[in-house]
C-alpha atoms as a PDB file:
ATOM      1  CA  MET A   1      -4.803  13.169  76.478  1.00  0.00           C
ATOM      2  CA  TRP A   2      -1.689  11.162  75.628  1.00  0.00           C
ATOM      3  CA  ARG A   3       0.340   9.528  78.369  1.00  0.00           C
ATOM      4  CA  VAL A   4       3.352   7.275  78.774  1.00  0.00           C
ATOM      5  CA  ARG A   5       2.436   3.649  79.360  1.00  0.00           C
ATOM      6  CA  ARG A   6       2.866   2.740  83.022  1.00  0.00           C
ATOM      7  CA  GLU A   7       4.486  -0.619  82.208  1.00  0.00           C
ATOM      8  CA  LEU A   8       7.444   1.099  80.558  1.00  0.00           C
ATOM      9  CA  ALA A   9       7.950   3.325  83.588  1.00  0.00           C
ATOM     10  CA  VAL A  10       7.989   0.258  85.832  1.00  0.00           C
ATOM     11  CA  PHE A  11      10.528  -1.465  83.557  1.00  0.00           C
ATOM     12  CA  LYS A  12      12.775   1.609  83.754  1.00  0.00           C
ATOM     13  CA  ILE A  13      12.610   1.575  87.563  1.00  0.00           C
ATOM     14  CA  LEU A  14      13.365  -2.169  87.619  1.00  0.00           C
ATOM     15  CA  GLY A  15      16.299  -1.569  85.260  1.00  0.00           C
ATOM     16  CA  ALA A  16      17.617   1.105  87.630  1.00  0.00           C
ATOM     17  CA  VAL A  17      17.357  -1.298  90.561  1.00  0.00           C
ATOM     18  CA  ALA A  18      19.184  -3.987  88.549  1.00  0.00           C
ATOM     19  CA  CYS A  19      21.959  -1.544  87.624  1.00  0.00           C
ATOM     20  CA  ALA A  20      22.269  -0.465  91.247  1.00  0.00           C
ATOM     21  CA  GLY A  21      22.542  -4.128  92.243  1.00  0.00           C
ATOM     22  CA  LEU A  22      25.278  -4.637  89.662  1.00  0.00           C
ATOM     23  CA  ALA A  23      27.102  -1.580  91.001  1.00  0.00           C
ATOM     24  CA  VAL A  24      27.069  -3.044  94.510  1.00  0.00           C
ATOM     25  CA  PHE A  25      28.164  -6.439  93.186  1.00  0.00           C
ATOM     26  CA  TRP A  26      31.072  -4.921  91.286  1.00  0.00           C
ATOM     27  CA  TYR A  27      32.000  -2.657  94.212  1.00  0.00           C
ATOM     28  CA  VAL A  28      32.221  -5.667  96.535  1.00  0.00           C
ATOM     29  CA  GLY A  29      34.148  -7.551  93.845  1.00  0.00           C
ATOM     30  CA  ASP A  30      36.595  -4.650  93.623  1.00  0.00           C
ATOM     31  CA  ASP A  31      35.855  -3.838  89.957  1.00  0.00           C
ATOM     32  CA  PRO A  32      35.835  -0.023  89.641  1.00  0.00           C
ATOM     33  CA  ARG A  33      35.126  -0.105  85.884  1.00  0.00           C
ATOM     34  CA  GLY A  34      31.857  -1.931  86.475  1.00  0.00           C
ATOM     35  CA  VAL A  35      30.840   0.548  89.144  1.00  0.00           C
ATOM     36  CA  ILE A  36      31.679   3.476  86.844  1.00  0.00           C
ATOM     37  CA  LEU A  37      29.334   2.003  84.230  1.00  0.00           C
ATOM     38  CA  ALA A  38      26.521   0.804  86.490  1.00  0.00           C
ATOM     39  CA  VAL A  39      26.034   3.870  88.703  1.00  0.00           C
ATOM     40  CA  PRO A  40      25.311   6.384  85.886  1.00  0.00           C
ATOM     41  CA  ALA A  41      23.061   3.813  84.196  1.00  0.00           C
ATOM     42  CA  ALA A  42      21.104   3.377  87.447  1.00  0.00           C
ATOM     43  CA  VAL A  43      20.765   7.130  87.936  1.00  0.00           C
ATOM     44  CA  LEU A  44      19.694   7.715  84.317  1.00  0.00           C
ATOM     45  CA  LEU A  45      17.160   4.883  84.222  1.00  0.00           C
ATOM     46  CA  GLY A  46      15.841   5.841  87.654  1.00  0.00           C
ATOM     47  CA  GLY A  47      15.406   9.473  86.625  1.00  0.00           C
ATOM     48  CA  MET A  48      13.626   8.528  83.417  1.00  0.00           C
ATOM     49  CA  GLY A  49      11.342   6.118  85.258  1.00  0.00           C
ATOM     50  CA  LEU A  50      10.629   8.656  87.981  1.00  0.00           C
ATOM     51  CA  ARG A  51       9.682  11.264  85.386  1.00  0.00           C
ATOM     52  CA  ASP A  52       7.340   8.774  83.707  1.00  0.00           C
ATOM     53  CA  LEU A  53       5.644   8.103  87.055  1.00  0.00           C
ATOM     54  CA  LEU A  54       5.469  11.776  88.154  1.00  0.00           C
ATOM     55  CA  VAL A  55       4.320  13.213  84.823  1.00  0.00           C
ATOM     56  CA  PRO A  56       2.716  10.440  82.782  1.00  0.00           C
ATOM     57  CA  VAL A  57       0.636  12.841  80.666  1.00  0.00           C
ATOM     58  CA  ARG A  58       2.973  14.346  78.068  1.00  0.00           C
ATOM     59  CA  LEU A  59       0.387  16.053  75.869  1.00  0.00           C
ATOM     60  CA  ALA A  60      -3.219  17.063  76.446  1.00  0.00           C
ATOM     61  CA  ALA A  61      -5.580  19.089  74.279  1.00  0.00           C
ATOM     62  CA  ASP A  62      -8.743  20.979  75.161  1.00  0.00           C
ATOM     63  CA  GLU A  63     -10.824  23.824  73.758  1.00  0.00           C
ATOM     64  CA  SER A  64      -8.363  26.513  74.862  1.00  0.00           C
ATOM     65  CA  GLY A  65      -5.139  24.879  73.657  1.00  0.00           C
ATOM     66  CA  ILE A  66      -2.645  22.194  74.533  1.00  0.00           C
ATOM     67  CA  THR A  67      -0.769  21.368  77.706  1.00  0.00           C
ATOM     68  CA  VAL A  68       2.760  20.021  77.304  1.00  0.00           C
ATOM     69  CA  VAL A  69       5.446  18.837  79.695  1.00  0.00           C
ATOM     70  CA  HIS A  70       7.962  21.599  80.373  1.00  0.00           C
ATOM     71  CA  GLY A  71      11.277  20.773  82.024  1.00  0.00           C
ATOM     72  CA  PHE A  72      11.560  17.663  84.159  1.00  0.00           C
ATOM     73  CA  ALA A  73       8.091  17.594  85.677  1.00  0.00           C
ATOM     74  CA  GLY A  74       6.455  20.955  84.914  1.00  0.00           C
ATOM     75  CA  ARG A  75       3.561  21.725  82.634  1.00  0.00           C
ATOM     76  CA  ARG A  76       2.932  24.547  80.204  1.00  0.00           C
ATOM     77  CA  HIS A  77      -0.375  25.524  78.612  1.00  0.00           C
ATOM     78  CA  VAL A  78      -0.168  26.835  75.045  1.00  0.00           C
ATOM     79  CA  PRO A  79      -3.261  28.488  73.504  1.00  0.00           C
ATOM     80  CA  TRP A  80      -4.205  27.399  69.978  1.00  0.00           C
ATOM     81  CA  GLU A  81      -3.386  30.888  68.687  1.00  0.00           C
ATOM     82  CA  GLN A  82       0.277  30.502  69.686  1.00  0.00           C
ATOM     83  CA  ILE A  83       0.732  27.214  67.828  1.00  0.00           C
ATOM     84  CA  GLU A  84       2.379  28.007  64.511  1.00  0.00           C
ATOM     85  CA  GLU A  85       2.751  24.529  63.067  1.00  0.00           C
ATOM     86  CA  ILE A  86       2.097  20.871  63.875  1.00  0.00           C
ATOM     87  CA  THR A  87       4.234  18.477  61.834  1.00  0.00           C
ATOM     88  CA  VAL A  88       5.471  14.906  61.896  1.00  0.00           C
ATOM     89  CA  ASP A  89       9.131  14.239  61.177  1.00  0.00           C
ATOM     90  CA  VAL A  90       9.536  10.802  59.581  1.00  0.00           C
ATOM     91  CA  ARG A  91      12.987   9.271  59.263  1.00  0.00           C
ATOM     92  CA  ARG A  92      14.116   5.887  58.035  1.00  0.00           C
ATOM     93  CA  ARG A  93      17.322   4.381  59.268  1.00  0.00           C
ATOM     94  CA  TYR A  94      18.525   0.805  58.993  1.00  0.00           C
ATOM     95  CA  GLY A  95      15.088  -0.267  57.782  1.00  0.00           C
ATOM     96  CA  VAL A  96      13.290   1.207  60.789  1.00  0.00           C
ATOM     97  CA  ARG A  97      10.717   3.967  60.378  1.00  0.00           C
ATOM     98  CA  ASN A  98      10.704   6.549  63.170  1.00  0.00           C
ATOM     99  CA  GLU A  99       8.099   9.306  63.622  1.00  0.00           C
ATOM    100  CA  MET A 100       8.317  12.336  65.894  1.00  0.00           C
ATOM    101  CA  LEU A 101       5.485  14.802  66.508  1.00  0.00           C
ATOM    102  CA  GLU A 102       6.715  18.395  66.425  1.00  0.00           C
ATOM    103  CA  ILE A 103       4.649  21.285  67.753  1.00  0.00           C
ATOM    104  CA  ASP A 104       6.130  24.705  66.967  1.00  0.00           C
ATOM    105  CA  THR A 105       4.930  27.481  69.274  1.00  0.00           C
ATOM    106  CA  GLY A 106       7.219  30.188  67.926  1.00  0.00           C
ATOM    107  CA  ASP A 107       9.260  30.451  71.123  1.00  0.00           C
ATOM    108  CA  GLY A 108       9.776  26.697  71.464  1.00  0.00           C
ATOM    109  CA  LEU A 109       9.613  23.368  69.699  1.00  0.00           C
ATOM    110  CA  HIS A 110       7.922  20.516  71.554  1.00  0.00           C
ATOM    111  CA  ILE A 111       8.875  17.057  70.307  1.00  0.00           C
ATOM    112  CA  PHE A 112       7.031  13.837  71.175  1.00  0.00           C
ATOM    113  CA  SER A 113       7.869  10.256  70.266  1.00  0.00           C
ATOM    114  CA  ALA A 114       5.399   7.390  70.041  1.00  0.00           C
ATOM    115  CA  HIS A 115       6.620   6.422  73.534  1.00  0.00           C
ATOM    116  CA  ASP A 116       5.599   9.848  74.872  1.00  0.00           C
ATOM    117  CA  LEU A 117       2.194   9.401  73.251  1.00  0.00           C
ATOM    118  CA  GLY A 118       1.478   6.024  74.834  1.00  0.00           C
ATOM    119  CA  GLY A 119       2.161   4.091  71.658  1.00  0.00           C
ATOM    120  CA  ALA A 120      -0.152   6.225  69.514  1.00  0.00           C
ATOM    121  CA  SER A 121       1.052   7.118  66.050  1.00  0.00           C
ATOM    122  CA  PRO A 122       2.420  10.684  65.927  1.00  0.00           C
ATOM    123  CA  THR A 123       0.733  11.066  62.513  1.00  0.00           C
ATOM    124  CA  GLU A 124      -2.667  10.258  64.019  1.00  0.00           C
ATOM    125  CA  VAL A 125      -2.056  12.547  66.996  1.00  0.00           C
ATOM    126  CA  ALA A 126      -1.043  15.404  64.662  1.00  0.00           C
ATOM    127  CA  ALA A 127      -4.254  14.921  62.673  1.00  0.00           C
ATOM    128  CA  ALA A 128      -6.326  14.933  65.878  1.00  0.00           C
ATOM    129  CA  LEU A 129      -4.617  18.119  67.102  1.00  0.00           C
ATOM    130  CA  ARG A 130      -5.145  19.864  63.754  1.00  0.00           C
ATOM    131  CA  ARG A 131      -8.861  18.971  63.821  1.00  0.00           C
ATOM    132  CA  ARG A 132      -9.176  20.114  67.422  1.00  0.00           C
ATOM    133  CA  GLY A 133      -7.327  23.391  66.854  1.00  0.00           C
ATOM    134  CA  THR A 134      -9.475  24.580  63.965  1.00  0.00           C
END
């Protein structure tokens, strides 16, 4: 089972509160540009933090298959037979290496970052899923 780290969810919620505070500050100070920037940032950070708190487990594997997050807070179980391919997309940009776990189920592609996997390496998670699925 791979889950988002709770600390990051709390930081997102605190960021949303800070942005909301800035929006109020700029509203009182009669600065509409600041409000236009702060309100969407607060909503976005709050939504991301809320999702991390509501659905911390992004990927789970058992004998019958995997369970992935579907939509904002739903879950979907995918049997091992429906999984066509498990790959890791590695990209380098500006000296930073970025890995994304990709699980192809034929009718959908599920993508997970190291953040979604609780800091675990997507390469290691892919290897664990391949071993488990065989």
